[in-house]
């Protein structure tokens, strides 16, 4: 990657997510591409959810950050490849934990067969409706206890759910796996 592309990646990647501001777009894994297109830079972002209400704000923040850095860029929202919570970096997972939000567990198994196009839609039981074993794998970001209960699979944003630690009695948010 040349210096121009590296600088554009650094600037775009440092933009905080508007719903989870402790995460940069790079740590969240939504910054997917920075490439040259003639004299301009083309930046590709992937949404965490179809119809994510923060997409407009994210795109505007990246455009503004790049312009302030003197980088002429086109910023596109690309629905492919599909975002998965496995794209959150180790640094991002630690930032979530430090903010009192339980990071997602691994999803895995998202590899697509070569030459097979995915519809991008998989419906099935949610992690917590599927098994009590999965719920037991959730740990409190404050005290580390695995004694937790799910309060609601629907949190303040589409990416989050609500839980409570039975050890320290504190409620917390959890980034959903997908």
N, C-alpha and C. Protein backbone atom coordinates (compact mmCIF):
# COMPACT_ATOMS: atom_id res chain seq x y z
N UNK A 1 0.86 -1.17 0.00
CA UNK A 1 0.00 0.00 0.00
C UNK A 1 0.90 1.23 0.00
N UNK A 2 0.65 2.15 -0.93
CA UNK A 2 1.49 3.35 -0.99
C UNK A 2 1.11 4.33 0.13
N UNK A 3 1.94 5.35 0.30
CA UNK A 3 1.76 6.30 1.42
C UNK A 3 0.41 7.03 1.33
N UNK A 4 -0.03 7.36 0.15
CA UNK A 4 -1.31 8.06 -0.03
C UNK A 4 -2.48 7.19 0.44
N UNK A 5 -2.47 5.93 0.04
CA UNK A 5 -3.54 5.01 0.45
C UNK A 5 -3.46 4.72 1.94
N UNK A 6 -2.24 4.56 2.46
CA UNK A 6 -2.06 4.30 3.89
C UNK A 6 -2.61 5.46 4.72
N UNK A 7 -2.34 6.71 4.27
CA UNK A 7 -2.84 7.89 4.99
C UNK A 7 -4.37 7.93 4.95
N UNK A 8 -4.96 7.64 3.79
CA UNK A 8 -6.43 7.63 3.68
C UNK A 8 -7.02 6.55 4.58
N UNK A 9 -6.37 5.38 4.64
CA UNK A 9 -6.85 4.30 5.52
C UNK A 9 -6.80 4.75 6.97
N UNK A 10 -5.68 5.38 7.37
CA UNK A 10 -5.54 5.83 8.76
C UNK A 10 -6.60 6.85 9.13
N UNK A 11 -6.85 7.81 8.24
CA UNK A 11 -7.84 8.86 8.52
C UNK A 11 -9.24 8.27 8.59
N UNK A 12 -9.63 7.50 7.57
CA UNK A 12 -10.97 6.91 7.54
C UNK A 12 -11.13 5.92 8.69
N UNK A 13 -10.10 5.13 8.95
CA UNK A 13 -10.17 4.12 9.99
C UNK A 13 -10.27 4.68 11.38
N UNK A 14 -9.79 5.90 11.59
CA UNK A 14 -9.81 6.52 12.92
C UNK A 14 -11.16 7.15 13.26
N UNK A 15 -12.06 7.27 12.30
CA UNK A 15 -13.38 7.86 12.55
C UNK A 15 -14.14 6.97 13.54
N UNK A 16 -14.69 7.55 14.60
CA UNK A 16 -15.44 6.72 15.56
C UNK A 16 -16.82 6.34 15.04
N UNK A 17 -17.28 5.17 15.43
CA UNK A 17 -18.64 4.76 15.11
C UNK A 17 -19.59 5.63 15.91
N UNK A 18 -20.66 6.17 15.31
CA UNK A 18 -21.55 7.06 16.06
C UNK A 18 -22.36 6.36 17.16
N UNK A 19 -22.61 5.08 17.02
CA UNK A 19 -23.39 4.36 18.05
C UNK A 19 -22.49 3.72 19.11
N UNK A 20 -21.29 3.37 18.74
CA UNK A 20 -20.32 2.78 19.67
C UNK A 20 -19.02 3.59 19.56
N UNK A 21 -19.00 4.82 20.08
CA UNK A 21 -17.88 5.74 19.83
C UNK A 21 -16.54 5.29 20.41
N UNK A 22 -16.54 4.26 21.23
CA UNK A 22 -15.26 3.74 21.72
C UNK A 22 -14.56 2.91 20.64
N UNK A 23 -15.26 2.65 19.53
CA UNK A 23 -14.70 1.88 18.41
C UNK A 23 -14.45 2.77 17.21
N UNK A 24 -13.28 2.63 16.62
CA UNK A 24 -13.03 3.29 15.34
C UNK A 24 -13.65 2.41 14.25
N UNK A 25 -13.83 2.99 13.06
CA UNK A 25 -14.39 2.21 11.97
C UNK A 25 -13.47 1.05 11.59
N UNK A 26 -12.15 1.25 11.75
CA UNK A 26 -11.21 0.16 11.47
C UNK A 26 -11.38 -0.95 12.51
N UNK A 27 -11.49 -0.59 13.79
CA UNK A 27 -11.65 -1.62 14.83
C UNK A 27 -13.00 -2.32 14.73
N UNK A 28 -14.02 -1.62 14.27
CA UNK A 28 -15.34 -2.23 14.09
C UNK A 28 -15.34 -3.17 12.89
N UNK A 29 -14.44 -2.94 11.95
CA UNK A 29 -14.34 -3.80 10.77
C UNK A 29 -15.21 -3.37 9.62
N UNK A 30 -15.77 -2.15 9.67
CA UNK A 30 -16.60 -1.69 8.56
C UNK A 30 -15.79 -1.03 7.46
N UNK A 31 -14.58 -0.58 7.76
CA UNK A 31 -13.69 -0.05 6.73
C UNK A 31 -13.08 -1.23 6.00
N UNK A 32 -13.45 -1.41 4.75
CA UNK A 32 -13.02 -2.59 4.01
C UNK A 32 -12.01 -2.30 2.90
N UNK A 33 -12.15 -1.18 2.24
CA UNK A 33 -11.28 -0.90 1.09
C UNK A 33 -10.89 0.55 1.03
N UNK A 34 -9.65 0.78 0.66
CA UNK A 34 -9.17 2.10 0.28
C UNK A 34 -8.31 1.85 -0.95
N UNK A 35 -8.74 2.42 -2.07
CA UNK A 35 -8.03 2.17 -3.32
C UNK A 35 -7.99 3.43 -4.16
N UNK A 36 -7.08 3.44 -5.13
CA UNK A 36 -6.97 4.59 -6.01
C UNK A 36 -7.91 4.42 -7.19
N UNK A 37 -8.52 5.52 -7.59
CA UNK A 37 -9.40 5.56 -8.74
C UNK A 37 -9.07 6.84 -9.49
N UNK A 38 -8.07 6.78 -10.36
CA UNK A 38 -7.58 7.98 -11.01
C UNK A 38 -6.89 8.86 -10.00
N UNK A 39 -7.29 10.12 -9.94
CA UNK A 39 -6.70 11.06 -8.98
C UNK A 39 -7.38 11.00 -7.62
N UNK A 40 -8.47 10.30 -7.53
CA UNK A 40 -9.23 10.23 -6.28
C UNK A 40 -8.96 8.94 -5.53
N UNK A 41 -9.34 8.97 -4.28
CA UNK A 41 -9.31 7.78 -3.44
C UNK A 41 -10.74 7.27 -3.33
N UNK A 42 -10.92 5.97 -3.42
CA UNK A 42 -12.23 5.37 -3.24
C UNK A 42 -12.19 4.55 -1.95
N UNK A 43 -13.14 4.85 -1.06
CA UNK A 43 -13.23 4.18 0.23
C UNK A 43 -14.49 3.34 0.24
N UNK A 44 -14.36 2.09 0.65
CA UNK A 44 -15.50 1.19 0.74
C UNK A 44 -15.79 0.81 2.18
N UNK A 45 -17.02 1.06 2.60
CA UNK A 45 -17.48 0.71 3.95
C UNK A 45 -18.58 -0.33 3.83
N UNK A 46 -18.64 -1.25 4.78
CA UNK A 46 -19.74 -2.23 4.79
C UNK A 46 -20.60 -1.98 6.02
N UNK A 47 -21.92 -2.06 5.87
CA UNK A 47 -22.80 -1.83 7.02
C UNK A 47 -22.81 -3.03 7.96
N UNK A 48 -22.98 -2.76 9.25
CA UNK A 48 -23.09 -3.85 10.21
C UNK A 48 -24.46 -4.53 10.10
N UNK A 49 -25.47 -3.80 9.68
CA UNK A 49 -26.82 -4.33 9.49
C UNK A 49 -27.41 -3.69 8.25
N UNK A 50 -28.24 -4.43 7.53
CA UNK A 50 -28.98 -3.85 6.42
C UNK A 50 -29.89 -2.77 6.98
N UNK A 51 -29.87 -1.62 6.39
CA UNK A 51 -30.73 -0.53 6.86
C UNK A 51 -30.25 0.11 8.14
N UNK A 52 -28.98 -0.05 8.48
CA UNK A 52 -28.44 0.56 9.70
C UNK A 52 -28.70 2.06 9.69
N UNK A 53 -29.35 2.58 10.72
CA UNK A 53 -29.68 4.01 10.74
C UNK A 53 -28.46 4.92 10.85
N UNK A 54 -27.30 4.37 11.20
CA UNK A 54 -26.10 5.20 11.35
C UNK A 54 -25.31 5.34 10.06
N UNK A 55 -25.70 4.66 8.98
CA UNK A 55 -24.91 4.67 7.75
C UNK A 55 -24.67 6.07 7.19
N UNK A 56 -25.70 6.88 7.15
CA UNK A 56 -25.55 8.24 6.63
C UNK A 56 -24.56 9.05 7.45
N UNK A 57 -24.65 8.92 8.77
CA UNK A 57 -23.73 9.65 9.65
C UNK A 57 -22.31 9.13 9.49
N UNK A 58 -22.16 7.82 9.38
CA UNK A 58 -20.82 7.23 9.21
C UNK A 58 -20.19 7.74 7.91
N UNK A 59 -20.94 7.68 6.83
CA UNK A 59 -20.42 8.13 5.53
C UNK A 59 -20.05 9.60 5.60
N UNK A 60 -20.92 10.44 6.16
CA UNK A 60 -20.64 11.87 6.26
C UNK A 60 -19.41 12.14 7.12
N UNK A 61 -19.25 11.41 8.22
CA UNK A 61 -18.07 11.59 9.09
C UNK A 61 -16.79 11.22 8.36
N UNK A 62 -16.82 10.14 7.57
CA UNK A 62 -15.62 9.74 6.81
C UNK A 62 -15.30 10.76 5.73
N UNK A 63 -16.31 11.21 5.00
CA UNK A 63 -16.10 12.23 3.97
C UNK A 63 -15.48 13.48 4.59
N UNK A 64 -16.03 13.93 5.73
CA UNK A 64 -15.53 15.12 6.41
C UNK A 64 -14.09 14.93 6.90
N UNK A 65 -13.79 13.79 7.51
CA UNK A 65 -12.44 13.53 8.02
C UNK A 65 -11.42 13.50 6.89
N UNK A 66 -11.77 12.87 5.79
CA UNK A 66 -10.86 12.82 4.65
C UNK A 66 -10.65 14.20 4.04
N UNK A 67 -11.72 14.97 3.89
CA UNK A 67 -11.61 16.32 3.34
C UNK A 67 -10.75 17.21 4.24
N UNK A 68 -10.92 17.10 5.55
CA UNK A 68 -10.12 17.88 6.49
C UNK A 68 -8.64 17.50 6.42
N UNK A 69 -8.37 16.26 6.01
CA UNK A 69 -6.98 15.81 5.85
C UNK A 69 -6.45 16.10 4.46
N UNK A 70 -7.27 16.79 3.64
CA UNK A 70 -6.84 17.15 2.28
C UNK A 70 -6.88 16.00 1.30
N UNK A 71 -7.70 15.00 1.58
CA UNK A 71 -7.78 13.82 0.72
C UNK A 71 -9.08 13.87 -0.06
N UNK A 72 -8.97 13.91 -1.40
CA UNK A 72 -10.14 13.91 -2.28
C UNK A 72 -10.60 12.46 -2.41
N UNK A 73 -11.76 12.15 -1.87
CA UNK A 73 -12.20 10.76 -1.84
C UNK A 73 -13.67 10.61 -2.14
N UNK A 74 -13.99 9.46 -2.65
CA UNK A 74 -15.37 9.03 -2.85
C UNK A 74 -15.60 7.93 -1.82
N UNK A 75 -16.66 8.05 -1.03
CA UNK A 75 -16.95 7.07 0.01
C UNK A 75 -18.24 6.35 -0.37
N UNK A 76 -18.13 5.03 -0.47
CA UNK A 76 -19.27 4.21 -0.85
C UNK A 76 -19.62 3.23 0.25
N UNK A 77 -20.91 2.99 0.40
CA UNK A 77 -21.39 1.94 1.29
C UNK A 77 -21.63 0.72 0.41
N UNK A 78 -20.95 -0.35 0.70
CA UNK A 78 -21.03 -1.58 -0.07
C UNK A 78 -21.67 -2.67 0.78
N UNK A 79 -22.70 -3.34 0.30
CA UNK A 79 -23.31 -4.39 1.11
C UNK A 79 -22.53 -5.71 1.11
N UNK A 80 -21.50 -5.80 0.28
CA UNK A 80 -20.71 -7.03 0.22
C UNK A 80 -19.24 -6.71 0.36
N UNK A 81 -18.46 -7.53 1.01
CA UNK A 81 -18.91 -8.75 1.67
C UNK A 81 -19.74 -8.40 2.90
N UNK A 82 -20.56 -9.31 3.34
CA UNK A 82 -21.40 -9.07 4.51
C UNK A 82 -20.53 -8.90 5.75
N UNK A 83 -20.88 -7.91 6.58
CA UNK A 83 -20.16 -7.70 7.83
C UNK A 83 -20.50 -8.82 8.80
N UNK A 84 -19.55 -9.21 9.60
CA UNK A 84 -19.77 -10.16 10.68
C UNK A 84 -19.07 -9.62 11.92
N UNK A 85 -19.59 -9.94 13.07
CA UNK A 85 -18.97 -9.45 14.31
C UNK A 85 -17.57 -10.02 14.51
N UNK A 86 -17.19 -11.04 13.75
CA UNK A 86 -15.82 -11.54 13.79
C UNK A 86 -14.81 -10.51 13.29
N UNK A 87 -15.29 -9.49 12.56
CA UNK A 87 -14.40 -8.45 12.03
C UNK A 87 -13.96 -7.43 13.08
N UNK A 88 -14.58 -7.43 14.25
CA UNK A 88 -14.16 -6.51 15.31
C UNK A 88 -12.77 -6.93 15.77
N UNK A 89 -11.85 -5.98 15.78
CA UNK A 89 -10.46 -6.27 16.14
C UNK A 89 -10.33 -6.59 17.63
N UNK A 90 -9.18 -7.17 17.99
CA UNK A 90 -8.90 -7.45 19.40
C UNK A 90 -8.89 -6.15 20.20
N UNK A 91 -8.33 -5.09 19.64
CA UNK A 91 -8.32 -3.79 20.31
C UNK A 91 -9.75 -3.28 20.49
N UNK A 92 -10.60 -3.48 19.47
CA UNK A 92 -12.00 -3.07 19.56
C UNK A 92 -12.76 -3.85 20.62
N UNK A 93 -12.49 -5.14 20.72
CA UNK A 93 -13.15 -5.97 21.74
C UNK A 93 -12.75 -5.51 23.14
N UNK A 94 -11.49 -5.16 23.31
CA UNK A 94 -11.03 -4.67 24.62
C UNK A 94 -11.67 -3.31 24.92
N UNK A 95 -11.79 -2.44 23.92
CA UNK A 95 -12.42 -1.13 24.12
C UNK A 95 -13.89 -1.30 24.53
N UNK A 96 -14.59 -2.26 23.94
CA UNK A 96 -15.97 -2.53 24.34
C UNK A 96 -16.02 -2.95 25.80
N UNK A 97 -15.15 -3.90 26.15
CA UNK A 97 -15.11 -4.41 27.53
C UNK A 97 -14.84 -3.28 28.52
N UNK A 98 -13.87 -2.40 28.19
CA UNK A 98 -13.53 -1.28 29.07
C UNK A 98 -14.69 -0.30 29.21
N UNK A 99 -15.55 -0.23 28.18
CA UNK A 99 -16.71 0.66 28.24
C UNK A 99 -17.91 -0.02 28.90
N UNK A 100 -17.73 -1.24 29.39
CA UNK A 100 -18.82 -1.94 30.07
C UNK A 100 -19.77 -2.65 29.13
N UNK A 101 -19.33 -2.90 27.89
CA UNK A 101 -20.15 -3.60 26.90
C UNK A 101 -19.48 -4.94 26.61
N UNK A 102 -20.23 -6.03 26.75
CA UNK A 102 -19.67 -7.35 26.47
C UNK A 102 -19.46 -7.51 24.97
N UNK A 103 -18.24 -7.82 24.56
CA UNK A 103 -17.98 -8.02 23.12
C UNK A 103 -18.61 -9.31 22.63
N UNK A 104 -18.83 -9.42 21.33
CA UNK A 104 -19.43 -10.65 20.80
C UNK A 104 -18.44 -11.81 20.86
N UNK A 105 -18.99 -13.01 20.93
CA UNK A 105 -18.18 -14.21 20.81
C UNK A 105 -17.93 -14.49 19.34
N UNK A 106 -17.15 -15.51 19.04
CA UNK A 106 -16.87 -15.82 17.65
C UNK A 106 -18.10 -16.39 16.94
N UNK A 107 -18.24 -16.03 15.67
CA UNK A 107 -19.31 -16.57 14.85
C UNK A 107 -18.76 -17.74 14.04
N UNK A 108 -17.69 -17.46 13.29
CA UNK A 108 -17.05 -18.50 12.47
C UNK A 108 -18.00 -19.10 11.46
N UNK A 109 -17.46 -19.98 10.64
CA UNK A 109 -18.28 -20.72 9.68
C UNK A 109 -18.91 -19.87 8.61
N UNK A 110 -18.36 -18.69 8.34
CA UNK A 110 -18.96 -17.82 7.33
C UNK A 110 -18.27 -17.92 5.98
N UNK A 111 -17.33 -18.84 5.86
CA UNK A 111 -16.62 -18.95 4.59
C UNK A 111 -17.60 -19.43 3.52
N UNK A 112 -17.50 -18.81 2.35
CA UNK A 112 -18.37 -19.20 1.25
C UNK A 112 -17.58 -20.06 0.27
N UNK A 113 -18.24 -21.01 -0.32
CA UNK A 113 -17.59 -21.85 -1.31
C UNK A 113 -17.21 -21.00 -2.50
N UNK A 114 -16.06 -21.31 -3.10
CA UNK A 114 -15.59 -20.54 -4.25
C UNK A 114 -16.60 -20.64 -5.39
N UNK A 115 -16.93 -19.49 -5.96
CA UNK A 115 -17.85 -19.45 -7.07
C UNK A 115 -19.31 -19.50 -6.67
N UNK A 116 -19.61 -19.62 -5.40
CA UNK A 116 -21.00 -19.65 -4.94
C UNK A 116 -21.35 -18.30 -4.36
N UNK A 117 -22.40 -17.70 -4.88
CA UNK A 117 -22.81 -16.39 -4.41
C UNK A 117 -23.82 -16.53 -3.28
N UNK A 118 -23.59 -15.82 -2.20
CA UNK A 118 -24.48 -15.88 -1.05
C UNK A 118 -25.61 -14.88 -1.21
N UNK A 119 -26.77 -15.22 -0.68
CA UNK A 119 -27.87 -14.27 -0.65
C UNK A 119 -27.68 -13.28 0.49
N UNK A 120 -26.76 -13.61 1.42
CA UNK A 120 -26.50 -12.74 2.55
C UNK A 120 -27.57 -12.81 3.63
N UNK A 121 -28.47 -13.75 3.55
CA UNK A 121 -29.54 -13.84 4.53
C UNK A 121 -29.59 -15.24 5.10
N UNK A 122 -29.39 -15.32 6.40
CA UNK A 122 -29.51 -16.59 7.09
C UNK A 122 -30.43 -16.36 8.28
N UNK A 123 -31.50 -17.10 8.36
CA UNK A 123 -32.42 -16.96 9.47
C UNK A 123 -32.41 -18.23 10.30
N UNK A 124 -32.41 -18.08 11.56
CA UNK A 124 -32.42 -19.22 12.46
C UNK A 124 -32.59 -18.70 13.86
N UNK A 125 -32.54 -19.59 14.83
CA UNK A 125 -32.69 -19.12 16.20
C UNK A 125 -31.53 -18.21 16.58
N UNK A 126 -31.81 -17.23 17.40
CA UNK A 126 -30.75 -16.35 17.87
C UNK A 126 -29.85 -17.13 18.80
N UNK A 127 -28.70 -16.59 19.09
CA UNK A 127 -27.73 -17.28 19.94
C UNK A 127 -28.36 -17.67 21.28
N UNK A 128 -29.10 -16.78 21.88
CA UNK A 128 -29.61 -17.02 23.22
C UNK A 128 -30.91 -17.80 23.21
N UNK A 129 -31.67 -17.73 22.14
CA UNK A 129 -32.87 -18.55 22.05
C UNK A 129 -32.48 -19.98 21.70
N UNK A 130 -31.31 -20.15 21.09
CA UNK A 130 -30.89 -21.47 20.63
C UNK A 130 -30.47 -22.39 21.75
N UNK A 131 -29.80 -21.86 22.79
CA UNK A 131 -29.36 -22.76 23.85
C UNK A 131 -28.96 -22.01 25.11
N UNK A 132 -29.17 -22.66 26.22
CA UNK A 132 -28.73 -22.07 27.49
C UNK A 132 -27.22 -22.14 27.61
N UNK A 133 -26.57 -23.08 26.88
CA UNK A 133 -25.11 -23.16 26.89
C UNK A 133 -24.49 -21.90 26.31
N UNK A 134 -25.11 -21.37 25.24
CA UNK A 134 -24.60 -20.15 24.63
C UNK A 134 -24.73 -18.98 25.60
N UNK A 135 -25.85 -18.91 26.34
CA UNK A 135 -26.03 -17.85 27.31
C UNK A 135 -24.96 -17.94 28.40
N UNK A 136 -24.60 -19.15 28.78
CA UNK A 136 -23.59 -19.34 29.81
C UNK A 136 -22.21 -18.86 29.35
N UNK A 137 -21.98 -18.79 28.04
CA UNK A 137 -20.70 -18.33 27.51
C UNK A 137 -20.56 -16.81 27.60
N UNK A 138 -21.63 -16.10 27.84
CA UNK A 138 -21.60 -14.65 27.98
C UNK A 138 -21.02 -14.29 29.34
N UNK A 139 -20.08 -13.34 29.36
CA UNK A 139 -19.48 -12.94 30.64
C UNK A 139 -19.66 -11.46 30.87
N UNK A 140 -19.74 -11.09 32.12
CA UNK A 140 -19.91 -9.70 32.52
C UNK A 140 -18.63 -8.93 32.21
N UNK A 141 -18.74 -7.79 31.52
CA UNK A 141 -17.53 -7.01 31.20
C UNK A 141 -16.97 -6.28 32.42
N UNK A 142 -17.73 -6.21 33.50
CA UNK A 142 -17.26 -5.50 34.70
C UNK A 142 -16.51 -6.42 35.66
N UNK A 143 -17.13 -7.58 35.98
CA UNK A 143 -16.50 -8.46 36.99
C UNK A 143 -16.03 -9.78 36.41
N UNK A 144 -16.40 -10.09 35.16
CA UNK A 144 -15.95 -11.32 34.53
C UNK A 144 -16.80 -12.54 34.84
N UNK A 145 -17.86 -12.38 35.62
CA UNK A 145 -18.71 -13.51 35.98
C UNK A 145 -19.44 -14.05 34.75
N UNK A 146 -19.58 -15.37 34.70
CA UNK A 146 -20.37 -15.98 33.63
C UNK A 146 -21.80 -16.25 34.10
N UNK A 147 -22.12 -15.81 35.30
CA UNK A 147 -23.49 -15.93 35.83
C UNK A 147 -24.27 -14.70 35.39
N UNK A 148 -24.90 -14.81 34.23
CA UNK A 148 -25.64 -13.67 33.66
C UNK A 148 -27.01 -14.13 33.20
N UNK A 149 -27.89 -13.15 33.05
CA UNK A 149 -29.20 -13.43 32.46
C UNK A 149 -29.45 -12.40 31.37
N UNK A 150 -30.09 -12.85 30.31
CA UNK A 150 -30.46 -11.97 29.21
C UNK A 150 -31.76 -11.27 29.59
N UNK A 151 -31.74 -9.94 29.55
CA UNK A 151 -32.95 -9.17 29.84
C UNK A 151 -33.77 -8.96 28.58
N UNK A 152 -33.08 -8.66 27.47
CA UNK A 152 -33.76 -8.45 26.20
C UNK A 152 -32.77 -8.62 25.06
N UNK A 153 -33.18 -9.34 24.03
CA UNK A 153 -32.33 -9.47 22.85
C UNK A 153 -32.39 -8.21 21.99
N UNK A 154 -33.19 -7.25 22.39
CA UNK A 154 -33.33 -6.01 21.64
C UNK A 154 -32.87 -4.86 22.51
N UNK A 155 -31.75 -4.25 22.14
CA UNK A 155 -31.17 -3.16 22.92
C UNK A 155 -31.43 -1.82 22.29
N UNK A 156 -30.66 -0.81 22.68
CA UNK A 156 -30.87 0.54 22.18
C UNK A 156 -30.52 0.71 20.71
N UNK A 157 -29.73 -0.18 20.15
CA UNK A 157 -29.44 -0.17 18.71
C UNK A 157 -29.60 -1.59 18.20
N UNK A 158 -29.71 -1.78 16.88
CA UNK A 158 -29.88 -3.14 16.36
C UNK A 158 -28.70 -4.07 16.68
N UNK A 159 -27.55 -3.50 16.98
CA UNK A 159 -26.35 -4.31 17.23
C UNK A 159 -26.26 -4.81 18.67
N UNK A 160 -27.07 -4.29 19.56
CA UNK A 160 -26.90 -4.56 20.99
C UNK A 160 -28.08 -5.30 21.60
N UNK A 161 -27.81 -6.04 22.67
CA UNK A 161 -28.83 -6.66 23.49
C UNK A 161 -28.53 -6.30 24.95
N UNK A 162 -29.47 -6.55 25.83
CA UNK A 162 -29.31 -6.19 27.24
C UNK A 162 -29.23 -7.43 28.12
N UNK A 163 -28.30 -7.40 29.08
CA UNK A 163 -28.13 -8.51 30.02
C UNK A 163 -27.85 -7.94 31.41
N UNK A 164 -27.89 -8.82 32.41
CA UNK A 164 -27.56 -8.42 33.79
C UNK A 164 -26.68 -9.50 34.39
N UNK A 165 -25.66 -9.04 35.10
CA UNK A 165 -24.76 -9.95 35.80
C UNK A 165 -25.42 -10.36 37.11
N UNK A 166 -25.45 -11.64 37.38
CA UNK A 166 -26.00 -12.13 38.64
C UNK A 166 -24.95 -12.09 39.74
N UNK A 167 -23.67 -11.90 39.34
CA UNK A 167 -22.59 -11.80 40.31
C UNK A 167 -22.53 -10.43 40.94
N UNK A 168 -22.42 -9.38 40.11
CA UNK A 168 -22.30 -8.01 40.64
C UNK A 168 -23.61 -7.23 40.53
N UNK A 169 -24.63 -7.84 39.94
CA UNK A 169 -25.98 -7.27 39.79
C UNK A 169 -26.05 -6.07 38.85
N UNK A 170 -24.99 -5.83 38.07
CA UNK A 170 -24.99 -4.69 37.15
C UNK A 170 -25.55 -5.09 35.79
N UNK A 171 -26.38 -4.22 35.20
CA UNK A 171 -26.84 -4.46 33.83
C UNK A 171 -25.71 -4.08 32.87
N UNK A 172 -25.72 -4.68 31.69
CA UNK A 172 -24.74 -4.32 30.67
C UNK A 172 -25.29 -4.64 29.29
N UNK A 173 -24.69 -4.02 28.29
CA UNK A 173 -25.03 -4.28 26.90
C UNK A 173 -24.07 -5.31 26.35
N UNK A 174 -24.51 -6.02 25.33
CA UNK A 174 -23.68 -7.02 24.66
C UNK A 174 -23.82 -6.82 23.17
N UNK A 175 -22.70 -6.78 22.44
CA UNK A 175 -22.74 -6.69 20.98
C UNK A 175 -23.13 -8.06 20.46
N UNK A 176 -24.20 -8.09 19.66
CA UNK A 176 -24.71 -9.35 19.15
C UNK A 176 -23.73 -9.97 18.14
N UNK A 177 -23.66 -11.28 18.17
CA UNK A 177 -22.89 -12.02 17.18
C UNK A 177 -23.72 -12.12 15.91
N UNK A 178 -23.10 -11.88 14.80
CA UNK A 178 -23.74 -12.13 13.50
C UNK A 178 -22.73 -12.02 12.40
